[in-house]
Amino acid sequence: MNKLIMTAALLLTSSLSYAEAYSCTAYIDGVVVAETKVNASKAAVAEEKAADRLKKKGVVVDYVACK
């Protein structure tokens, strides 16, 4: 059981170390409607996370761009 906990902790910390902070902007018809920040390993993953977070808040967007 101890090995399982240690393995889970190691995986969690190693995956978080590769994550970067991204600033994301959501658009509807080319107009900025919302901005959010997410942590992700790639910009594409950040855009998906940001879109999911906005969808949960009830904000429907055309697309999200992250830098």
C-alpha atoms as a PDB file:
ATOM      1  CA  MET A   1       0.000   0.000   0.000  1.00  0.00           C
ATOM      2  CA  ASN A   2       2.851   2.341   0.838  1.00  0.00           C
ATOM      3  CA  LYS A   3       4.444   1.739  -2.578  1.00  0.00           C
ATOM      4  CA  LEU A   4       1.157   2.579  -4.268  1.00  0.00           C
ATOM      5  CA  ILE A   5       0.891   5.912  -2.460  1.00  0.00           C
ATOM      6  CA  MET A   6       4.520   6.769  -3.226  1.00  0.00           C
ATOM      7  CA  THR A   7       4.045   5.890  -6.895  1.00  0.00           C
ATOM      8  CA  ALA A   8       0.916   8.038  -7.154  1.00  0.00           C
ATOM      9  CA  ALA A   9       2.681  10.972  -5.477  1.00  0.00           C
ATOM     10  CA  LEU A  10       5.668  10.634  -7.812  1.00  0.00           C
ATOM     11  CA  LEU A  11       3.456  10.556 -10.906  1.00  0.00           C
ATOM     12  CA  LEU A  12       1.485  13.564  -9.731  1.00  0.00           C
ATOM     13  CA  THR A  13       4.552  15.684  -9.020  1.00  0.00           C
ATOM     14  CA  SER A  14       6.320  14.679 -12.233  1.00  0.00           C
ATOM     15  CA  SER A  15       3.307  15.544 -14.394  1.00  0.00           C
ATOM     16  CA  LEU A  16       2.842  18.903 -12.660  1.00  0.00           C
ATOM     17  CA  SER A  17       6.457  19.876 -13.192  1.00  0.00           C
ATOM     18  CA  TYR A  18       5.946  19.875 -16.966  1.00  0.00           C
ATOM     19  CA  ALA A  19       2.833  22.050 -16.822  1.00  0.00           C
ATOM     20  CA  GLU A  20       3.118  25.700 -17.775  1.00  0.00           C
ATOM     21  CA  ALA A  21       0.790  28.607 -17.081  1.00  0.00           C
ATOM     22  CA  TYR A  22      -1.116  29.767 -20.158  1.00  0.00           C
ATOM     23  CA  SER A  23      -3.179  32.907 -20.571  1.00  0.00           C
ATOM     24  CA  CYS A  24      -6.233  32.144 -22.701  1.00  0.00           C
ATOM     25  CA  THR A  25      -8.670  34.412 -24.517  1.00  0.00           C
ATOM     26  CA  ALA A  26     -12.115  33.294 -25.683  1.00  0.00           C
ATOM     27  CA  TYR A  27     -13.769  34.765 -28.770  1.00  0.00           C
ATOM     28  CA  ILE A  28     -17.238  34.973 -30.324  1.00  0.00           C
ATOM     29  CA  ASP A  29     -17.337  36.351 -33.880  1.00  0.00           C
ATOM     30  CA  GLY A  30     -13.790  37.667 -33.442  1.00  0.00           C
ATOM     31  CA  VAL A  31     -14.695  39.669 -30.317  1.00  0.00           C
ATOM     32  CA  VAL A  32     -13.058  38.906 -26.967  1.00  0.00           C
ATOM     33  CA  VAL A  33     -15.684  37.658 -24.508  1.00  0.00           C
ATOM     34  CA  ALA A  34     -13.612  36.144 -21.688  1.00  0.00           C
ATOM     35  CA  GLU A  35     -10.085  35.586 -20.438  1.00  0.00           C
ATOM     36  CA  THR A  36      -8.781  32.861 -18.152  1.00  0.00           C
ATOM     37  CA  LYS A  37      -5.536  31.239 -17.048  1.00  0.00           C
ATOM     38  CA  VAL A  38      -4.857  27.501 -17.037  1.00  0.00           C
ATOM     39  CA  ASN A  39      -1.936  25.153 -16.413  1.00  0.00           C
ATOM     40  CA  ALA A  40      -1.153  22.653 -19.162  1.00  0.00           C
ATOM     41  CA  SER A  41       1.698  20.895 -20.911  1.00  0.00           C
ATOM     42  CA  LYS A  42       0.843  22.251 -24.394  1.00  0.00           C
ATOM     43  CA  ALA A  43      -1.100  25.184 -25.840  1.00  0.00           C
ATOM     44  CA  ALA A  44      -3.635  22.826 -27.430  1.00  0.00           C
ATOM     45  CA  VAL A  45      -4.341  21.206 -24.059  1.00  0.00           C
ATOM     46  CA  ALA A  46      -4.612  24.651 -22.454  1.00  0.00           C
ATOM     47  CA  GLU A  47      -7.166  25.740 -25.063  1.00  0.00           C
ATOM     48  CA  GLU A  48      -9.272  22.646 -24.393  1.00  0.00           C
ATOM     49  CA  LYS A  49      -9.117  23.171 -20.621  1.00  0.00           C
ATOM     50  CA  ALA A  50     -10.031  26.851 -20.961  1.00  0.00           C
ATOM     51  CA  ALA A  51     -12.970  26.039 -23.254  1.00  0.00           C
ATOM     52  CA  ASP A  52     -14.214  23.406 -20.787  1.00  0.00           C
ATOM     53  CA  ARG A  53     -13.984  25.825 -17.854  1.00  0.00           C
ATOM     54  CA  LEU A  54     -15.875  28.515 -19.735  1.00  0.00           C
ATOM     55  CA  LYS A  55     -18.524  26.016 -20.849  1.00  0.00           C
ATOM     56  CA  LYS A  56     -19.065  25.006 -17.196  1.00  0.00           C
ATOM     57  CA  LYS A  57     -19.600  28.695 -16.378  1.00  0.00           C
ATOM     58  CA  GLY A  58     -22.211  28.910 -19.132  1.00  0.00           C
ATOM     59  CA  VAL A  59     -20.089  30.910 -21.579  1.00  0.00           C
ATOM     60  CA  VAL A  60     -20.419  29.593 -25.134  1.00  0.00           C
ATOM     61  CA  VAL A  61     -17.482  30.565 -27.363  1.00  0.00           C
ATOM     62  CA  ASP A  62     -16.441  30.073 -30.982  1.00  0.00           C
ATOM     63  CA  TYR A  63     -12.787  29.448 -30.149  1.00  0.00           C
ATOM     64  CA  VAL A  64     -10.095  29.914 -27.513  1.00  0.00           C
ATOM     65  CA  ALA A  65      -6.506  31.019 -28.103  1.00  0.00           C
ATOM     66  CA  CYS A  66      -3.784  30.495 -25.488  1.00  0.00           C
ATOM     67  CA  LYS A  67      -0.300  31.938 -25.209  1.00  0.00           C
END
